[in-house]
Amino acid sequence: MPSQLDDKNPSPEGELTSRIIASASDTNTHGDIAAGWLVDHMDAAGAYIAQRHAKGRVTTVAVGSMVFLRPVPVGSAISFYVQCNEVGRSSIRISVEVWLQPEEEETAKVTEGDFVFVAIDGKGRTRAII
């Protein structure tokens, strides 16, 4: 996944798949949005694109290269950008970036990660991507 961590004016890569407002119920003990909450939403955003490519059901088989760059304050608008990097016989590798738009109007990347999904049939067995 290309990283824009060193760019002076970074911008999201991939397709905007969802936006959500981070609420107080999603915080960790320090009052920031919990990393697990972000990963859950990243997985859902990635699965949405993977299902389109697989033309059916997929399941997450791996998550890697996760990088957290900054905490997310409560009330932030969070945007999920997804890019399909590779489609194999039954697997799909997806990059997910999370961006926030704080009140001061400065867009900032929060995290990025790689997800691998596998196409499955109705019985949960691996199937070839059509």
C-alpha atoms as a PDB file:
ATOM      1  CA  MET A   1       0.000   0.000   0.000  1.00  0.00           C
ATOM      2  CA  PRO A   2       1.480   3.358  -0.938  1.00  0.00           C
ATOM      3  CA  SER A   3       1.936   5.520   2.108  1.00  0.00           C
ATOM      4  CA  GLN A   4       1.570   9.269   2.125  1.00  0.00           C
ATOM      5  CA  LEU A   5       2.896   9.754   5.632  1.00  0.00           C
ATOM      6  CA  ASP A   6       5.685  12.079   4.482  1.00  0.00           C
ATOM      7  CA  ASP A   7       3.693  14.205   2.019  1.00  0.00           C
ATOM      8  CA  LYS A   8       3.242  17.875   2.845  1.00  0.00           C
ATOM      9  CA  ASN A   9      -0.361  17.821   1.598  1.00  0.00           C
ATOM     10  CA  PRO A  10      -1.513  14.205   1.860  1.00  0.00           C
ATOM     11  CA  SER A  11      -4.826  13.134   0.398  1.00  0.00           C
ATOM     12  CA  PRO A  12      -6.851   9.923   0.602  1.00  0.00           C
ATOM     13  CA  GLU A  13      -6.268   7.093  -1.845  1.00  0.00           C
ATOM     14  CA  GLY A  14      -9.065   4.818  -2.969  1.00  0.00           C
ATOM     15  CA  GLU A  15     -12.837   4.951  -3.041  1.00  0.00           C
ATOM     16  CA  LEU A  16     -14.786   6.617  -0.261  1.00  0.00           C
ATOM     17  CA  THR A  17     -16.952   3.796   1.085  1.00  0.00           C
ATOM     18  CA  SER A  18     -18.364   5.183   4.323  1.00  0.00           C
ATOM     19  CA  ARG A  19     -18.422   8.030   6.812  1.00  0.00           C
ATOM     20  CA  ILE A  20     -19.346   7.942  10.467  1.00  0.00           C
ATOM     21  CA  ILE A  21     -19.250  10.252  13.482  1.00  0.00           C
ATOM     22  CA  ALA A  22     -17.122   8.958  16.353  1.00  0.00           C
ATOM     23  CA  SER A  23     -19.223   9.017  19.530  1.00  0.00           C
ATOM     24  CA  ALA A  24     -18.429   8.912  23.246  1.00  0.00           C
ATOM     25  CA  SER A  25     -19.568   5.282  23.475  1.00  0.00           C
ATOM     26  CA  ASP A  26     -16.671   4.314  21.154  1.00  0.00           C
ATOM     27  CA  THR A  27     -13.845   5.593  23.385  1.00  0.00           C
ATOM     28  CA  ASN A  28     -11.011   3.923  25.248  1.00  0.00           C
ATOM     29  CA  THR A  29     -10.070   4.687  28.867  1.00  0.00           C
ATOM     30  CA  HIS A  30      -8.246   7.881  27.781  1.00  0.00           C
ATOM     31  CA  GLY A  31     -11.273   9.352  26.012  1.00  0.00           C
ATOM     32  CA  ASP A  32     -10.010   8.787  22.465  1.00  0.00           C
ATOM     33  CA  ILE A  33     -11.774   6.569  19.947  1.00  0.00           C
ATOM     34  CA  ALA A  34     -10.730   2.949  20.548  1.00  0.00           C
ATOM     35  CA  ALA A  35      -8.414   1.355  17.970  1.00  0.00           C
ATOM     36  CA  GLY A  36     -10.586  -1.766  17.906  1.00  0.00           C
ATOM     37  CA  TRP A  37     -13.588   0.324  16.898  1.00  0.00           C
ATOM     38  CA  LEU A  38     -11.597   1.743  13.979  1.00  0.00           C
ATOM     39  CA  VAL A  39     -10.375  -1.702  12.886  1.00  0.00           C
ATOM     40  CA  ASP A  40     -13.944  -3.045  12.960  1.00  0.00           C
ATOM     41  CA  HIS A  41     -15.147  -0.251  10.671  1.00  0.00           C
ATOM     42  CA  MET A  42     -12.091  -0.633   8.417  1.00  0.00           C
ATOM     43  CA  ASP A  43     -12.865  -4.342   8.054  1.00  0.00           C
ATOM     44  CA  ALA A  44     -16.478  -3.563   7.110  1.00  0.00           C
ATOM     45  CA  ALA A  45     -15.400  -0.937   4.547  1.00  0.00           C
ATOM     46  CA  GLY A  46     -12.873  -3.359   3.024  1.00  0.00           C
ATOM     47  CA  ALA A  47     -15.403  -6.201   2.937  1.00  0.00           C
ATOM     48  CA  TYR A  48     -17.833  -3.994   1.017  1.00  0.00           C
ATOM     49  CA  ILE A  49     -15.332  -3.567  -1.832  1.00  0.00           C
ATOM     50  CA  ALA A  50     -14.110  -7.180  -1.627  1.00  0.00           C
ATOM     51  CA  GLN A  51     -17.693  -8.464  -1.988  1.00  0.00           C
ATOM     52  CA  ARG A  52     -18.121  -6.382  -5.133  1.00  0.00           C
ATOM     53  CA  HIS A  53     -14.987  -7.918  -6.666  1.00  0.00           C
ATOM     54  CA  ALA A  54     -15.879 -11.442  -5.509  1.00  0.00           C
ATOM     55  CA  LYS A  55     -19.499 -11.051  -6.619  1.00  0.00           C
ATOM     56  CA  GLY A  56     -20.616 -12.615  -3.362  1.00  0.00           C
ATOM     57  CA  ARG A  57     -19.773 -13.423   0.211  1.00  0.00           C
ATOM     58  CA  VAL A  58     -16.255 -12.934   1.603  1.00  0.00           C
ATOM     59  CA  THR A  59     -14.577 -13.391   4.944  1.00  0.00           C
ATOM     60  CA  THR A  60     -11.553 -11.670   6.459  1.00  0.00           C
ATOM     61  CA  VAL A  61      -8.526 -13.976   6.683  1.00  0.00           C
ATOM     62  CA  ALA A  62      -5.721 -11.538   7.520  1.00  0.00           C
ATOM     63  CA  VAL A  63      -5.063  -8.008   8.722  1.00  0.00           C
ATOM     64  CA  GLY A  64      -1.566  -6.619   8.444  1.00  0.00           C
ATOM     65  CA  SER A  65       0.538  -3.499   8.198  1.00  0.00           C
ATOM     66  CA  MET A  66      -1.722  -1.540  10.554  1.00  0.00           C
ATOM     67  CA  VAL A  67      -0.364   1.914  11.391  1.00  0.00           C
ATOM     68  CA  PHE A  68      -2.054   4.322  13.820  1.00  0.00           C
ATOM     69  CA  LEU A  69      -0.912   7.899  13.269  1.00  0.00           C
ATOM     70  CA  ARG A  70      -2.975  10.010  15.687  1.00  0.00           C
ATOM     71  CA  PRO A  71      -5.770   9.714  18.217  1.00  0.00           C
ATOM     72  CA  VAL A  72      -9.338  10.381  17.099  1.00  0.00           C
ATOM     73  CA  PRO A  73     -11.312  12.815  19.240  1.00  0.00           C
ATOM     74  CA  VAL A  74     -14.974  12.208  20.036  1.00  0.00           C
ATOM     75  CA  GLY A  75     -17.261  13.929  17.545  1.00  0.00           C
ATOM     76  CA  SER A  76     -14.859  13.652  14.620  1.00  0.00           C
ATOM     77  CA  ALA A  77     -16.215  12.823  11.173  1.00  0.00           C
ATOM     78  CA  ILE A  78     -14.358   9.687  10.084  1.00  0.00           C
ATOM     79  CA  SER A  79     -14.066   8.727   6.380  1.00  0.00           C
ATOM     80  CA  PHE A  80     -13.008   5.298   5.100  1.00  0.00           C
ATOM     81  CA  TYR A  81     -11.216   5.038   1.743  1.00  0.00           C
ATOM     82  CA  VAL A  82     -10.680   1.623   0.191  1.00  0.00           C
ATOM     83  CA  GLN A  83      -8.483   0.451  -2.665  1.00  0.00           C
ATOM     84  CA  CYS A  84      -8.343  -3.043  -4.173  1.00  0.00           C
ATOM     85  CA  ASN A  85      -4.667  -3.964  -4.617  1.00  0.00           C
ATOM     86  CA  GLU A  86      -4.778  -7.555  -5.822  1.00  0.00           C
ATOM     87  CA  VAL A  87      -7.315 -10.199  -6.814  1.00  0.00           C
ATOM     88  CA  GLY A  88      -6.180 -13.824  -6.759  1.00  0.00           C
ATOM     89  CA  ARG A  89      -7.983 -17.093  -7.459  1.00  0.00           C
ATOM     90  CA  SER A  90     -10.059 -16.797  -4.274  1.00  0.00           C
ATOM     91  CA  SER A  91      -8.477 -13.932  -2.328  1.00  0.00           C
ATOM     92  CA  ILE A  92      -8.595 -10.155  -2.496  1.00  0.00           C
ATOM     93  CA  ARG A  93      -6.062  -7.790  -0.899  1.00  0.00           C
ATOM     94  CA  ILE A  94      -7.511  -4.426   0.096  1.00  0.00           C
ATOM     95  CA  SER A  95      -5.930  -1.249   1.518  1.00  0.00           C
ATOM     96  CA  VAL A  96      -8.037   0.865   3.867  1.00  0.00           C
ATOM     97  CA  GLU A  97      -7.251   4.428   4.940  1.00  0.00           C
ATOM     98  CA  VAL A  98      -9.115   6.331   7.632  1.00  0.00           C
ATOM     99  CA  TRP A  99      -9.239  10.122   7.528  1.00  0.00           C
ATOM    100  CA  LEU A 100     -10.784  12.696   9.813  1.00  0.00           C
ATOM    101  CA  GLN A 101     -11.968  16.240   9.310  1.00  0.00           C
ATOM    102  CA  PRO A 102     -11.557  18.077  12.616  1.00  0.00           C
ATOM    103  CA  GLU A 103     -13.443  21.275  13.378  1.00  0.00           C
ATOM    104  CA  GLU A 104     -10.487  23.406  12.285  1.00  0.00           C
ATOM    105  CA  GLU A 105     -11.015  22.101   8.707  1.00  0.00           C
ATOM    106  CA  GLU A 106      -7.666  20.330   8.397  1.00  0.00           C
ATOM    107  CA  THR A 107      -7.942  16.855   6.915  1.00  0.00           C
ATOM    108  CA  ALA A 108      -5.661  14.294   8.596  1.00  0.00           C
ATOM    109  CA  LYS A 109      -4.946  10.609   8.102  1.00  0.00           C
ATOM    110  CA  VAL A 110      -5.686   8.573  11.214  1.00  0.00           C
ATOM    111  CA  THR A 111      -4.676   5.058  10.221  1.00  0.00           C
ATOM    112  CA  GLU A 112      -4.105   2.708   7.316  1.00  0.00           C
ATOM    113  CA  GLY A 113      -3.999  -1.051   7.012  1.00  0.00           C
ATOM    114  CA  ASP A 114      -4.030  -4.026   4.653  1.00  0.00           C
ATOM    115  CA  PHE A 115      -6.837  -6.577   4.749  1.00  0.00           C
ATOM    116  CA  VAL A 116      -7.074  -9.922   2.948  1.00  0.00           C
ATOM    117  CA  PHE A 117     -10.476 -11.401   2.196  1.00  0.00           C
ATOM    118  CA  VAL A 118     -11.353 -14.811   0.760  1.00  0.00           C
ATOM    119  CA  ALA A 119     -14.453 -15.527  -1.304  1.00  0.00           C
ATOM    120  CA  ILE A 120     -16.645 -18.181   0.308  1.00  0.00           C
ATOM    121  CA  ASP A 121     -19.757 -20.094  -0.684  1.00  0.00           C
ATOM    122  CA  GLY A 122     -22.992 -20.512   1.269  1.00  0.00           C
ATOM    123  CA  LYS A 123     -21.405 -23.223   3.435  1.00  0.00           C
ATOM    124  CA  GLY A 124     -18.391 -21.080   4.342  1.00  0.00           C
ATOM    125  CA  ARG A 125     -15.956 -22.907   2.067  1.00  0.00           C
ATOM    126  CA  THR A 126     -13.430 -21.110  -0.113  1.00  0.00           C
ATOM    127  CA  ARG A 127     -14.585 -20.603  -3.674  1.00  0.00           C
ATOM    128  CA  ALA A 128     -13.024 -19.220  -6.829  1.00  0.00           C
ATOM    129  CA  ILE A 129     -13.753 -15.592  -7.649  1.00  0.00           C
ATOM    130  CA  ILE A 130     -15.994 -15.407 -10.681  1.00  0.00           C
END
